Amino acid sequence: MFPFSRHVCTRRLTETGCAHCGASGLVEGTALRVRGGWRKAEQIDRHDHLHIFPKGRKQPEEVTRENIWLDPVDCPAVVHPLAVPPHALGNREAFLLQQDMRVLMHDPGLRPHLGTGHVTIRGGDLIGFRGITPADPPKGAGLIRPIFAAEEYVLVAGGAWIQCPPSIRVLDPAAEDDGLRSVIGGRMIRHLDTEEADAFLAAQESRDHEAPRVSARR
C-alpha cells in the first residue's frame, strides 16, 4: 500500500464541520432591492432600508458577515450553493442560493386547497426545477445575513423573494405561526415540505410546458 495523503478542508475538523458552509444567508454578489435601487449583499448594512414582502421597506436590526468555503475541496453536495438561472424564480439575473434558504412563490390556484396562494420552498428542493443546479462553491465567498426582529422576505436578483429568518424563532399560535405557516403583513404563507414541494414544482413545470402550446394554437 502507498501512503497517499488526502487534502481535507480544515473546516471539517471544527465542531460545526461542513454545516457551517451550508448555513442560511445571501452569497456575496446577490443584489438586494433597497431604497433607491439595487445593492450587492456585501455592500448593505443595518442603515439600509430593504424592500420586504408584501410591500414596504425595513431596516434590519443587524447584518452579519462571514466567509465560507475557505478551502472547498471535496465539499459534500448538501453544502454546494445552487446556481439559479435568470427567470427561474421570478429573478431577472442569475444568483447563487444556499440550499437551506427558503424561496417565496405564488400560485393563486393553491388558495382553495391551502387557504393561501403564497408558499415557500427550501432551496435544496428546487434542484432540477427550471435549470436550477448545484454549483461549485466559490472559494472564500462572503455569506451575508440581514437579521430582522421577525421573519421577513427580501427581494433579490431582480425579482425573487428570499426568506430572512430571525435570529430566534418564536412560534405565535395567535398568528397561526406553527412552523408550517406564517403570517407576514397580513398574508398567510405556507411552508411546503419536500413531498409537497415536489408536487407543487411538478405542476409549475407542467404549466411551463403547456404555455407554448397554448400560444401556438392561438
N, C-alpha and C. Protein backbone atom coordinates (compact mmCIF):
# COMPACT_ATOMS: atom_id res chain seq x y z
N MET A 1 0.84 -1.19 0.00
CA MET A 1 0.00 0.00 0.00
C MET A 1 0.88 1.25 0.00
N PHE A 2 0.48 2.26 -0.77
CA PHE A 2 1.22 3.51 -0.82
C PHE A 2 0.59 4.52 0.14
N PRO A 3 1.38 5.28 0.87
CA PRO A 3 0.87 6.22 1.86
C PRO A 3 0.38 7.52 1.22
N PHE A 4 -0.75 7.46 0.52
CA PHE A 4 -1.30 8.67 -0.08
C PHE A 4 -1.87 9.58 1.01
N SER A 5 -1.59 10.85 0.92
CA SER A 5 -2.19 11.80 1.86
C SER A 5 -3.38 12.47 1.17
N ARG A 6 -4.43 12.72 1.93
CA ARG A 6 -5.64 13.30 1.37
C ARG A 6 -5.83 14.71 1.92
N HIS A 7 -6.04 15.66 1.02
CA HIS A 7 -6.26 17.04 1.41
C HIS A 7 -7.70 17.19 1.91
N VAL A 8 -7.86 17.58 3.16
CA VAL A 8 -9.18 17.75 3.75
C VAL A 8 -9.32 19.18 4.23
N CYS A 9 -10.45 19.80 3.93
CA CYS A 9 -10.72 21.16 4.38
C CYS A 9 -10.66 21.22 5.91
N THR A 10 -9.96 22.23 6.44
CA THR A 10 -9.84 22.35 7.89
C THR A 10 -11.19 22.59 8.56
N ARG A 11 -12.15 23.11 7.81
CA ARG A 11 -13.48 23.36 8.38
C ARG A 11 -14.12 22.06 8.85
N ARG A 12 -13.79 20.95 8.18
CA ARG A 12 -14.38 19.66 8.56
C ARG A 12 -13.94 19.24 9.96
N LEU A 13 -12.82 19.77 10.40
CA LEU A 13 -12.28 19.37 11.69
C LEU A 13 -12.84 20.18 12.84
N THR A 14 -13.65 21.19 12.54
CA THR A 14 -14.24 22.02 13.59
C THR A 14 -15.51 21.36 14.13
N GLU A 15 -16.05 21.94 15.19
CA GLU A 15 -17.24 21.36 15.83
C GLU A 15 -18.45 21.35 14.91
N THR A 16 -18.63 22.44 14.15
CA THR A 16 -19.79 22.51 13.25
C THR A 16 -19.53 21.82 11.93
N GLY A 17 -18.27 21.58 11.60
CA GLY A 17 -17.95 20.88 10.37
C GLY A 17 -18.45 21.58 9.12
N CYS A 18 -18.83 20.79 8.12
CA CYS A 18 -19.26 21.34 6.84
C CYS A 18 -20.59 22.10 6.93
N ALA A 19 -21.35 21.86 7.99
CA ALA A 19 -22.63 22.55 8.13
C ALA A 19 -22.44 24.06 8.14
N HIS A 20 -21.29 24.51 8.59
CA HIS A 20 -21.00 25.94 8.64
C HIS A 20 -21.13 26.57 7.25
N CYS A 21 -20.64 25.88 6.23
CA CYS A 21 -20.64 26.43 4.87
C CYS A 21 -22.00 26.28 4.18
N GLY A 22 -22.89 25.49 4.76
CA GLY A 22 -24.22 25.35 4.19
C GLY A 22 -25.26 26.19 4.91
N ALA A 23 -24.79 27.11 5.76
CA ALA A 23 -25.70 27.91 6.58
C ALA A 23 -26.55 28.86 5.73
N SER A 24 -27.64 29.32 6.32
CA SER A 24 -28.52 30.28 5.65
C SER A 24 -27.82 31.62 5.51
N GLY A 25 -28.15 32.32 4.45
CA GLY A 25 -27.57 33.63 4.20
C GLY A 25 -27.53 33.91 2.71
N LEU A 26 -27.15 35.12 2.37
CA LEU A 26 -27.06 35.53 0.97
C LEU A 26 -25.60 35.51 0.54
N VAL A 27 -25.33 34.80 -0.53
CA VAL A 27 -23.96 34.72 -1.04
C VAL A 27 -23.58 36.05 -1.67
N GLU A 28 -22.36 36.49 -1.40
CA GLU A 28 -21.92 37.78 -1.94
C GLU A 28 -22.13 37.83 -3.46
N GLY A 29 -22.46 39.01 -3.93
CA GLY A 29 -22.76 39.18 -5.35
C GLY A 29 -24.25 39.22 -5.62
N THR A 30 -25.06 38.73 -4.66
CA THR A 30 -26.51 38.77 -4.81
C THR A 30 -27.01 40.19 -4.61
N ALA A 31 -27.80 40.69 -5.54
CA ALA A 31 -28.32 42.06 -5.44
C ALA A 31 -29.61 42.08 -4.64
N LEU A 32 -29.73 43.04 -3.72
CA LEU A 32 -30.94 43.23 -2.94
C LEU A 32 -31.58 44.56 -3.30
N ARG A 33 -32.91 44.58 -3.27
CA ARG A 33 -33.63 45.82 -3.52
C ARG A 33 -33.62 46.67 -2.25
N VAL A 34 -33.11 47.88 -2.37
CA VAL A 34 -33.08 48.82 -1.26
C VAL A 34 -33.72 50.12 -1.73
N ARG A 35 -33.94 51.02 -0.79
CA ARG A 35 -34.48 52.32 -1.18
C ARG A 35 -33.53 52.97 -2.19
N GLY A 36 -34.08 53.31 -3.33
CA GLY A 36 -33.28 53.97 -4.36
C GLY A 36 -32.71 53.05 -5.42
N GLY A 37 -32.91 51.73 -5.29
CA GLY A 37 -32.39 50.84 -6.33
C GLY A 37 -31.95 49.49 -5.80
N TRP A 38 -30.84 49.01 -6.35
CA TRP A 38 -30.33 47.68 -6.00
C TRP A 38 -28.91 47.81 -5.48
N ARG A 39 -28.57 46.94 -4.54
CA ARG A 39 -27.22 46.96 -3.98
C ARG A 39 -26.79 45.54 -3.68
N LYS A 40 -25.50 45.26 -3.90
CA LYS A 40 -24.97 43.93 -3.62
C LYS A 40 -25.04 43.64 -2.12
N ALA A 41 -25.27 42.38 -1.80
CA ALA A 41 -25.43 41.97 -0.41
C ALA A 41 -24.25 42.40 0.45
N GLU A 42 -23.04 42.30 -0.09
CA GLU A 42 -21.86 42.63 0.69
C GLU A 42 -21.73 44.13 0.95
N GLN A 43 -22.57 44.94 0.30
CA GLN A 43 -22.49 46.39 0.48
C GLN A 43 -23.55 46.94 1.44
N ILE A 44 -24.47 46.11 1.88
CA ILE A 44 -25.54 46.63 2.73
C ILE A 44 -25.11 46.65 4.20
N ASP A 45 -25.80 47.48 4.98
CA ASP A 45 -25.60 47.50 6.43
C ASP A 45 -26.95 47.76 7.09
N ARG A 46 -26.96 47.87 8.40
CA ARG A 46 -28.24 47.97 9.12
C ARG A 46 -28.94 49.31 8.92
N HIS A 47 -28.28 50.24 8.24
CA HIS A 47 -28.92 51.53 7.96
C HIS A 47 -29.70 51.51 6.64
N ASP A 48 -29.52 50.46 5.86
CA ASP A 48 -30.23 50.37 4.58
C ASP A 48 -31.69 49.97 4.80
N HIS A 49 -32.57 50.55 3.99
CA HIS A 49 -33.99 50.18 4.02
C HIS A 49 -34.22 49.13 2.94
N LEU A 50 -34.38 47.88 3.35
CA LEU A 50 -34.56 46.78 2.39
C LEU A 50 -36.03 46.63 2.03
N HIS A 51 -36.27 46.29 0.77
CA HIS A 51 -37.63 46.06 0.28
C HIS A 51 -38.09 44.72 0.82
N ILE A 52 -39.23 44.70 1.53
CA ILE A 52 -39.72 43.46 2.14
C ILE A 52 -41.12 43.13 1.65
N PHE A 53 -41.49 41.85 1.77
CA PHE A 53 -42.81 41.36 1.37
C PHE A 53 -43.83 41.69 2.46
N PRO A 54 -45.08 42.00 2.08
CA PRO A 54 -45.60 42.12 0.72
C PRO A 54 -45.31 43.47 0.08
N LYS A 55 -45.15 44.50 0.89
CA LYS A 55 -44.74 45.80 0.36
C LYS A 55 -44.24 46.64 1.52
N GLY A 56 -43.30 47.47 1.22
CA GLY A 56 -42.72 48.31 2.26
C GLY A 56 -41.22 48.14 2.33
N ARG A 57 -40.62 48.87 3.25
CA ARG A 57 -39.17 48.81 3.45
C ARG A 57 -38.90 48.75 4.95
N LYS A 58 -37.81 48.11 5.29
CA LYS A 58 -37.47 47.98 6.70
C LYS A 58 -35.96 47.87 6.84
N GLN A 59 -35.45 48.46 7.91
CA GLN A 59 -34.04 48.33 8.22
C GLN A 59 -33.81 47.06 9.04
N PRO A 60 -32.80 46.28 8.71
CA PRO A 60 -32.50 45.11 9.54
C PRO A 60 -31.94 45.55 10.89
N GLU A 61 -32.16 44.72 11.90
CA GLU A 61 -31.60 45.03 13.21
C GLU A 61 -30.09 44.89 13.21
N GLU A 62 -29.60 43.97 12.41
CA GLU A 62 -28.16 43.83 12.24
C GLU A 62 -27.89 43.09 10.94
N VAL A 63 -26.67 43.19 10.47
CA VAL A 63 -26.23 42.46 9.28
C VAL A 63 -24.93 41.76 9.64
N THR A 64 -24.94 40.44 9.58
CA THR A 64 -23.73 39.69 9.91
C THR A 64 -23.03 39.23 8.63
N ARG A 65 -21.75 39.07 8.74
CA ARG A 65 -20.94 38.65 7.59
C ARG A 65 -19.90 37.63 8.04
N GLU A 66 -19.66 36.66 7.19
CA GLU A 66 -18.57 35.73 7.42
C GLU A 66 -18.16 35.14 6.08
N ASN A 67 -16.98 34.58 6.05
CA ASN A 67 -16.51 33.94 4.84
C ASN A 67 -16.64 32.43 4.97
N ILE A 68 -17.14 31.81 3.92
CA ILE A 68 -17.33 30.36 3.92
C ILE A 68 -16.59 29.75 2.73
N TRP A 69 -16.62 28.43 2.66
CA TRP A 69 -15.90 27.70 1.60
C TRP A 69 -14.44 28.18 1.53
N LEU A 70 -13.80 28.23 2.69
CA LEU A 70 -12.43 28.74 2.75
C LEU A 70 -11.47 27.85 1.98
N ASP A 71 -11.76 26.57 1.95
CA ASP A 71 -10.90 25.61 1.24
C ASP A 71 -11.79 24.54 0.64
N PRO A 72 -12.52 24.90 -0.43
CA PRO A 72 -13.57 24.00 -0.95
C PRO A 72 -13.05 22.79 -1.71
N VAL A 73 -12.53 21.83 -0.96
CA VAL A 73 -12.09 20.57 -1.57
C VAL A 73 -13.01 19.46 -1.09
N ASP A 74 -13.55 18.71 -2.02
CA ASP A 74 -14.39 17.57 -1.66
C ASP A 74 -15.56 17.97 -0.77
N CYS A 75 -16.18 19.11 -1.07
CA CYS A 75 -17.32 19.56 -0.26
C CYS A 75 -18.52 18.63 -0.49
N PRO A 76 -19.23 18.26 0.57
CA PRO A 76 -20.44 17.44 0.40
C PRO A 76 -21.46 18.16 -0.47
N ALA A 77 -22.24 17.42 -1.21
CA ALA A 77 -23.22 18.02 -2.12
C ALA A 77 -24.20 18.93 -1.40
N VAL A 78 -24.51 18.61 -0.14
CA VAL A 78 -25.53 19.38 0.57
C VAL A 78 -25.08 20.79 0.93
N VAL A 79 -23.79 21.08 0.84
CA VAL A 79 -23.34 22.44 1.15
C VAL A 79 -22.94 23.21 -0.11
N HIS A 80 -23.15 22.62 -1.27
CA HIS A 80 -22.91 23.36 -2.51
C HIS A 80 -24.03 24.38 -2.69
N PRO A 81 -23.70 25.59 -3.15
CA PRO A 81 -24.77 26.54 -3.46
C PRO A 81 -25.49 26.11 -4.74
N LEU A 82 -26.64 26.68 -4.97
CA LEU A 82 -27.39 26.40 -6.19
C LEU A 82 -27.27 27.56 -7.16
N ALA A 83 -27.01 27.24 -8.42
CA ALA A 83 -26.97 28.26 -9.47
C ALA A 83 -28.39 28.44 -9.99
N VAL A 84 -28.95 29.62 -9.78
CA VAL A 84 -30.31 29.92 -10.21
C VAL A 84 -30.25 30.76 -11.48
N PRO A 85 -30.66 30.22 -12.63
CA PRO A 85 -30.60 30.99 -13.87
C PRO A 85 -31.66 32.09 -13.91
N PRO A 86 -31.50 33.08 -14.78
CA PRO A 86 -32.50 34.14 -14.90
C PRO A 86 -33.90 33.58 -15.15
N HIS A 87 -34.88 34.18 -14.49
CA HIS A 87 -36.32 33.90 -14.66
C HIS A 87 -36.79 32.60 -14.01
N ALA A 88 -35.90 31.84 -13.38
CA ALA A 88 -36.33 30.58 -12.77
C ALA A 88 -37.28 30.81 -11.60
N LEU A 89 -37.02 31.88 -10.83
CA LEU A 89 -37.82 32.15 -9.63
C LEU A 89 -38.37 33.57 -9.63
N GLY A 90 -38.56 34.11 -10.82
CA GLY A 90 -39.00 35.49 -10.93
C GLY A 90 -37.85 36.47 -10.98
N ASN A 91 -36.64 35.97 -10.85
CA ASN A 91 -35.44 36.80 -10.88
C ASN A 91 -35.06 37.18 -12.31
N ARG A 92 -34.51 38.37 -12.46
CA ARG A 92 -34.06 38.81 -13.78
C ARG A 92 -32.60 38.45 -14.03
N GLU A 93 -31.85 38.22 -12.97
CA GLU A 93 -30.44 37.89 -13.14
C GLU A 93 -30.10 36.63 -12.35
N ALA A 94 -29.04 35.97 -12.77
CA ALA A 94 -28.62 34.74 -12.10
C ALA A 94 -28.06 35.06 -10.71
N PHE A 95 -28.20 34.11 -9.79
CA PHE A 95 -27.60 34.29 -8.47
C PHE A 95 -27.38 32.93 -7.83
N LEU A 96 -26.60 32.92 -6.75
CA LEU A 96 -26.34 31.70 -6.00
C LEU A 96 -27.24 31.65 -4.78
N LEU A 97 -27.83 30.48 -4.54
CA LEU A 97 -28.78 30.30 -3.44
C LEU A 97 -28.30 29.18 -2.52
N GLN A 98 -28.26 29.45 -1.23
CA GLN A 98 -27.93 28.40 -0.27
C GLN A 98 -29.10 27.41 -0.19
N GLN A 99 -28.76 26.13 -0.03
CA GLN A 99 -29.80 25.10 -0.06
C GLN A 99 -30.77 25.18 1.12
N ASP A 100 -30.35 25.76 2.23
CA ASP A 100 -31.24 25.87 3.39
C ASP A 100 -32.11 27.12 3.36
N MET A 101 -31.91 28.00 2.39
CA MET A 101 -32.73 29.20 2.28
C MET A 101 -34.09 28.85 1.68
N ARG A 102 -35.12 29.54 2.13
CA ARG A 102 -36.46 29.33 1.57
C ARG A 102 -36.82 30.44 0.61
N VAL A 103 -37.49 30.04 -0.48
CA VAL A 103 -37.90 30.95 -1.54
C VAL A 103 -39.42 31.07 -1.51
N LEU A 104 -39.92 32.29 -1.60
CA LEU A 104 -41.36 32.53 -1.60
C LEU A 104 -41.87 32.51 -3.04
N MET A 105 -42.91 31.72 -3.28
CA MET A 105 -43.53 31.64 -4.60
C MET A 105 -45.03 31.82 -4.46
N HIS A 106 -45.68 32.14 -5.57
CA HIS A 106 -47.12 32.42 -5.51
C HIS A 106 -47.86 31.72 -6.63
N ASP A 107 -48.97 31.10 -6.28
CA ASP A 107 -49.86 30.46 -7.24
C ASP A 107 -51.28 30.59 -6.70
N PRO A 108 -52.09 31.47 -7.28
CA PRO A 108 -53.46 31.68 -6.77
C PRO A 108 -54.30 30.41 -6.81
N GLY A 109 -53.93 29.44 -7.65
CA GLY A 109 -54.69 28.20 -7.72
C GLY A 109 -54.60 27.35 -6.47
N LEU A 110 -53.64 27.67 -5.59
CA LEU A 110 -53.48 26.90 -4.35
C LEU A 110 -54.45 27.32 -3.26
N ARG A 111 -55.03 28.52 -3.41
CA ARG A 111 -55.86 29.06 -2.33
C ARG A 111 -56.99 28.12 -1.89
N PRO A 112 -57.72 27.49 -2.83
CA PRO A 112 -58.81 26.59 -2.38
C PRO A 112 -58.31 25.38 -1.58
N HIS A 113 -57.04 25.01 -1.79
CA HIS A 113 -56.50 23.81 -1.14
C HIS A 113 -55.74 24.12 0.14
N LEU A 114 -55.00 25.24 0.13
CA LEU A 114 -54.16 25.56 1.28
C LEU A 114 -54.62 26.78 2.05
N GLY A 115 -55.61 27.49 1.50
CA GLY A 115 -56.06 28.71 2.15
C GLY A 115 -55.21 29.90 1.83
N THR A 116 -54.21 29.72 0.98
CA THR A 116 -53.33 30.80 0.56
C THR A 116 -52.66 30.43 -0.75
N GLY A 117 -52.27 31.43 -1.50
CA GLY A 117 -51.53 31.18 -2.74
C GLY A 117 -50.04 31.37 -2.57
N HIS A 118 -49.62 31.76 -1.35
CA HIS A 118 -48.21 32.02 -1.08
C HIS A 118 -47.58 30.82 -0.37
N VAL A 119 -46.51 30.29 -0.94
CA VAL A 119 -45.83 29.15 -0.35
C VAL A 119 -44.33 29.39 -0.37
N THR A 120 -43.63 28.71 0.54
CA THR A 120 -42.17 28.74 0.49
C THR A 120 -41.64 27.34 0.23
N ILE A 121 -40.50 27.30 -0.44
CA ILE A 121 -39.86 26.03 -0.77
C ILE A 121 -38.39 26.13 -0.39
N ARG A 122 -37.89 25.11 0.26
CA ARG A 122 -36.48 25.07 0.62
C ARG A 122 -35.63 24.99 -0.64
N GLY A 123 -34.53 25.72 -0.66
CA GLY A 123 -33.67 25.75 -1.82
C GLY A 123 -33.28 24.37 -2.33
N GLY A 124 -32.92 23.47 -1.41
CA GLY A 124 -32.50 22.14 -1.82
C GLY A 124 -33.56 21.37 -2.58
N ASP A 125 -34.83 21.72 -2.36
CA ASP A 125 -35.92 21.04 -3.07
C ASP A 125 -36.13 21.59 -4.47
N LEU A 126 -35.41 22.65 -4.82
CA LEU A 126 -35.55 23.27 -6.14
C LEU A 126 -34.59 22.69 -7.18
N ILE A 127 -33.70 21.81 -6.76
CA ILE A 127 -32.72 21.27 -7.71
C ILE A 127 -33.44 20.58 -8.87
N GLY A 128 -33.09 20.98 -10.09
CA GLY A 128 -33.70 20.43 -11.29
C GLY A 128 -34.86 21.25 -11.81
N PHE A 129 -35.37 22.18 -11.01
CA PHE A 129 -36.51 22.99 -11.42
C PHE A 129 -36.03 24.18 -12.25
N ARG A 130 -36.52 24.28 -13.48
CA ARG A 130 -36.20 25.40 -14.38
C ARG A 130 -34.69 25.66 -14.48
N GLY A 131 -33.94 24.59 -14.52
CA GLY A 131 -32.50 24.72 -14.74
C GLY A 131 -31.67 25.03 -13.52
N ILE A 132 -32.26 24.93 -12.33
CA ILE A 132 -31.51 25.18 -11.09
C ILE A 132 -30.65 23.97 -10.78
N THR A 133 -29.35 24.19 -10.63
CA THR A 133 -28.41 23.09 -10.42
C THR A 133 -27.39 23.45 -9.33
N PRO A 134 -26.80 22.44 -8.69
CA PRO A 134 -25.72 22.71 -7.74
C PRO A 134 -24.53 23.33 -8.48
N ALA A 135 -23.83 24.23 -7.80
CA ALA A 135 -22.68 24.90 -8.39
C ALA A 135 -21.44 24.64 -7.53
N ASP A 136 -20.28 24.81 -8.14
CA ASP A 136 -19.05 24.70 -7.36
C ASP A 136 -18.98 25.85 -6.36
N PRO A 137 -18.63 25.59 -5.12
CA PRO A 137 -18.55 26.66 -4.13
C PRO A 137 -17.44 27.65 -4.48
N PRO A 138 -17.74 28.94 -4.53
CA PRO A 138 -16.70 29.94 -4.80
C PRO A 138 -15.82 30.12 -3.56
N LYS A 139 -14.55 29.91 -3.70
CA LYS A 139 -13.63 29.91 -2.56
C LYS A 139 -13.67 31.23 -1.79
N GLY A 140 -13.88 31.11 -0.49
CA GLY A 140 -13.83 32.28 0.38
C GLY A 140 -14.95 33.27 0.21
N ALA A 141 -16.06 32.85 -0.38
CA ALA A 141 -17.17 33.78 -0.62
C ALA A 141 -17.75 34.28 0.70
N GLY A 142 -18.25 35.50 0.67
CA GLY A 142 -18.90 36.06 1.84
C GLY A 142 -20.33 35.57 1.95
N LEU A 143 -20.79 35.35 3.17
CA LEU A 143 -22.17 34.99 3.44
C LEU A 143 -22.75 36.10 4.31
N ILE A 144 -23.78 36.76 3.80
CA ILE A 144 -24.34 37.94 4.46
C ILE A 144 -25.73 37.61 4.97
N ARG A 145 -26.02 37.98 6.21
CA ARG A 145 -27.33 37.71 6.80
C ARG A 145 -27.96 38.99 7.32
N PRO A 146 -28.95 39.54 6.62
CA PRO A 146 -29.74 40.62 7.20
C PRO A 146 -30.69 40.01 8.23
N ILE A 147 -30.65 40.49 9.45
CA ILE A 147 -31.45 39.90 10.53
C ILE A 147 -32.48 40.91 11.01
N PHE A 148 -33.74 40.49 10.99
CA PHE A 148 -34.85 41.32 11.46
C PHE A 148 -35.40 40.74 12.76
N ALA A 149 -36.26 41.51 13.42
CA ALA A 149 -36.86 41.03 14.68
C ALA A 149 -37.76 39.83 14.44
N ALA A 150 -38.37 39.76 13.26
CA ALA A 150 -39.26 38.66 12.91
C ALA A 150 -38.93 38.20 11.50
N GLU A 151 -39.52 37.10 11.10
CA GLU A 151 -39.33 36.55 9.75
C GLU A 151 -39.72 37.58 8.70
N GLU A 152 -38.86 37.80 7.72
CA GLU A 152 -39.15 38.70 6.62
C GLU A 152 -38.68 38.07 5.31
N TYR A 153 -39.14 38.62 4.20
CA TYR A 153 -38.72 38.17 2.88
C TYR A 153 -38.20 39.38 2.12
N VAL A 154 -36.98 39.26 1.59
CA VAL A 154 -36.36 40.37 0.87
C VAL A 154 -36.32 40.05 -0.62
N LEU A 155 -36.31 41.10 -1.42
CA LEU A 155 -36.33 40.95 -2.88
C LEU A 155 -34.90 40.94 -3.39
N VAL A 156 -34.53 39.90 -4.14
CA VAL A 156 -33.16 39.77 -4.62
C VAL A 156 -33.14 39.48 -6.12
N ALA A 157 -31.99 39.76 -6.72
CA ALA A 157 -31.71 39.37 -8.11
C ALA A 157 -32.77 39.80 -9.10
N GLY A 158 -33.42 40.93 -8.83
CA GLY A 158 -34.37 41.46 -9.79
C GLY A 158 -35.77 40.89 -9.70
N GLY A 159 -36.09 40.12 -8.63
CA GLY A 159 -37.47 39.66 -8.55
C GLY A 159 -37.76 38.41 -7.74
N ALA A 160 -36.76 37.76 -7.13
CA ALA A 160 -37.01 36.58 -6.30
C ALA A 160 -37.13 36.99 -4.84
N TRP A 161 -38.10 36.39 -4.14
CA TRP A 161 -38.29 36.67 -2.71
C TRP A 161 -37.61 35.59 -1.88
N ILE A 162 -36.67 36.01 -1.01
CA ILE A 162 -35.90 35.07 -0.21
C ILE A 162 -36.14 35.33 1.27
N GLN A 163 -36.31 34.24 2.02
CA GLN A 163 -36.58 34.37 3.45
C GLN A 163 -35.35 34.82 4.23
N CYS A 164 -35.58 35.74 5.16
CA CYS A 164 -34.57 36.10 6.15
C CYS A 164 -35.13 35.68 7.51
N PRO A 165 -34.72 34.52 8.02
CA PRO A 165 -35.25 34.08 9.31
C PRO A 165 -34.71 34.96 10.43
N PRO A 166 -35.48 35.13 11.52
CA PRO A 166 -34.98 35.91 12.66
C PRO A 166 -33.90 35.14 13.38
N SER A 167 -33.14 35.82 14.21
CA SER A 167 -32.07 35.15 14.95
C SER A 167 -32.64 34.11 15.91
N ILE A 168 -33.82 34.41 16.48
CA ILE A 168 -34.51 33.46 17.35
C ILE A 168 -35.95 33.35 16.88
N ARG A 169 -36.39 32.15 16.57
CA ARG A 169 -37.75 31.95 16.08
C ARG A 169 -38.68 31.65 17.25
N VAL A 170 -39.74 32.45 17.37
CA VAL A 170 -40.74 32.26 18.42
C VAL A 170 -42.08 31.96 17.75
N LEU A 171 -42.66 30.81 18.05
CA LEU A 171 -43.95 30.44 17.46
C LEU A 171 -45.06 31.23 18.14
N ASP A 172 -45.98 31.74 17.33
CA ASP A 172 -47.08 32.55 17.83
C ASP A 172 -48.40 31.91 17.42
N PRO A 173 -49.02 31.11 18.31
CA PRO A 173 -50.28 30.43 17.95
C PRO A 173 -51.37 31.40 17.54
N ALA A 174 -51.40 32.58 18.13
CA ALA A 174 -52.43 33.56 17.81
C ALA A 174 -52.32 34.03 16.37
N ALA A 175 -51.11 33.96 15.82
CA ALA A 175 -50.89 34.40 14.44
C ALA A 175 -50.88 33.22 13.49
N GLU A 176 -51.26 32.04 13.98
CA GLU A 176 -51.26 30.81 13.18
C GLU A 176 -49.86 30.46 12.71
N ASP A 177 -48.87 30.87 13.49
CA ASP A 177 -47.48 30.56 13.17
C ASP A 177 -47.09 29.31 13.94
N ASP A 178 -47.14 28.16 13.28
CA ASP A 178 -46.86 26.90 13.96
C ASP A 178 -45.67 26.17 13.33
N GLY A 179 -44.89 26.89 12.56
CA GLY A 179 -43.76 26.26 11.87
C GLY A 179 -44.13 25.78 10.49
N LEU A 180 -45.42 25.53 10.24
CA LEU A 180 -45.88 25.12 8.92
C LEU A 180 -46.39 26.30 8.12
N ARG A 181 -46.73 27.36 8.82
CA ARG A 181 -47.25 28.56 8.16
C ARG A 181 -46.84 29.78 8.94
N SER A 182 -46.81 30.91 8.26
CA SER A 182 -46.51 32.19 8.89
C SER A 182 -47.50 33.21 8.37
N VAL A 183 -47.66 34.29 9.09
CA VAL A 183 -48.45 35.41 8.63
C VAL A 183 -47.53 36.62 8.56
N ILE A 184 -47.31 37.12 7.36
CA ILE A 184 -46.42 38.25 7.13
C ILE A 184 -47.21 39.37 6.48
N GLY A 185 -47.28 40.51 7.12
CA GLY A 185 -48.01 41.63 6.53
C GLY A 185 -49.45 41.31 6.21
N GLY A 186 -50.07 40.46 7.03
CA GLY A 186 -51.46 40.08 6.80
C GLY A 186 -51.64 38.97 5.78
N ARG A 187 -50.56 38.49 5.18
CA ARG A 187 -50.64 37.41 4.18
C ARG A 187 -50.18 36.09 4.81
N MET A 188 -50.99 35.07 4.65
CA MET A 188 -50.59 33.77 5.16
C MET A 188 -49.64 33.10 4.17
N ILE A 189 -48.60 32.52 4.70
CA ILE A 189 -47.60 31.83 3.89
C ILE A 189 -47.48 30.40 4.39
N ARG A 190 -47.58 29.46 3.48
CA ARG A 190 -47.48 28.03 3.83
C ARG A 190 -46.10 27.53 3.47
N HIS A 191 -45.42 26.89 4.42
CA HIS A 191 -44.08 26.36 4.19
C HIS A 191 -44.19 24.89 3.76
N LEU A 192 -43.85 24.60 2.52
CA LEU A 192 -44.01 23.25 1.98
C LEU A 192 -42.86 22.34 2.40
N ASP A 193 -43.19 21.08 2.72
CA ASP A 193 -42.14 20.10 2.95
C ASP A 193 -41.70 19.54 1.60
N THR A 194 -40.76 18.62 1.62
CA THR A 194 -40.18 18.12 0.37
C THR A 194 -41.23 17.47 -0.54
N GLU A 195 -42.10 16.66 0.04
CA GLU A 195 -43.12 15.98 -0.77
C GLU A 195 -44.09 16.99 -1.38
N GLU A 196 -44.52 17.95 -0.59
CA GLU A 196 -45.43 18.98 -1.10
C GLU A 196 -44.74 19.84 -2.16
N ALA A 197 -43.46 20.14 -1.93
CA ALA A 197 -42.71 20.94 -2.90
C ALA A 197 -42.60 20.21 -4.23
N ASP A 198 -42.35 18.91 -4.19
CA ASP A 198 -42.26 18.13 -5.43
C ASP A 198 -43.55 18.23 -6.24
N ALA A 199 -44.68 18.11 -5.56
CA ALA A 199 -45.97 18.17 -6.25
C ALA A 199 -46.21 19.57 -6.82
N PHE A 200 -45.88 20.59 -6.04
CA PHE A 200 -46.07 21.97 -6.49
C PHE A 200 -45.19 22.28 -7.70
N LEU A 201 -43.92 21.90 -7.63
CA LEU A 201 -43.00 22.20 -8.72
C LEU A 201 -43.35 21.41 -9.98
N ALA A 202 -43.83 20.18 -9.82
CA ALA A 202 -44.25 19.39 -10.98
C ALA A 202 -45.40 20.08 -11.69
N ALA A 203 -46.33 20.64 -10.92
CA ALA A 203 -47.46 21.36 -11.52
C ALA A 203 -46.99 22.61 -12.24
N GLN A 204 -46.00 23.31 -11.65
CA GLN A 204 -45.47 24.51 -12.30
C GLN A 204 -44.79 24.16 -13.62
N GLU A 205 -44.02 23.08 -13.62
CA GLU A 205 -43.33 22.67 -14.85
C GLU A 205 -44.32 22.25 -15.92
N SER A 206 -45.40 21.59 -15.50
CA SER A 206 -46.43 21.19 -16.46
C SER A 206 -47.03 22.42 -17.13
N ARG A 207 -47.26 23.46 -16.36
CA ARG A 207 -47.78 24.70 -16.93
C ARG A 207 -46.76 25.36 -17.85
N ASP A 208 -45.49 25.30 -17.45
CA ASP A 208 -44.44 25.86 -18.30
C ASP A 208 -44.44 25.21 -19.68
N HIS A 209 -44.63 23.89 -19.71
CA HIS A 209 -44.61 23.15 -20.97
C HIS A 209 -45.88 23.39 -21.78
N GLU A 210 -46.98 23.63 -21.07
CA GLU A 210 -48.26 23.82 -21.74
C GLU A 210 -48.37 25.21 -22.36
N ALA A 211 -47.74 26.20 -21.74
CA ALA A 211 -47.88 27.59 -22.21
C ALA A 211 -47.49 27.78 -23.67
N PRO A 212 -46.35 27.24 -24.15
CA PRO A 212 -46.01 27.42 -25.57
C PRO A 212 -47.04 26.79 -26.51
N ARG A 213 -47.64 25.67 -26.09
CA ARG A 213 -48.63 25.01 -26.94
C ARG A 213 -49.88 25.86 -27.07
N VAL A 214 -50.28 26.47 -25.96
CA VAL A 214 -51.46 27.34 -25.99
C VAL A 214 -51.21 28.53 -26.89
N SER A 215 -50.00 29.12 -26.78
CA SER A 215 -49.66 30.26 -27.62
C SER A 215 -49.65 29.88 -29.09
N ALA A 216 -49.14 28.68 -29.38
CA ALA A 216 -49.06 28.22 -30.77
C ALA A 216 -50.46 28.03 -31.36
N ARG A 217 -51.40 27.54 -30.53
CA ARG A 217 -52.75 27.32 -31.03
C ARG A 217 -53.47 28.63 -31.30
N ARG A 218 -53.07 29.69 -30.60
CA ARG A 218 -53.69 30.99 -30.82
C ARG A 218 -53.12 31.60 -32.05
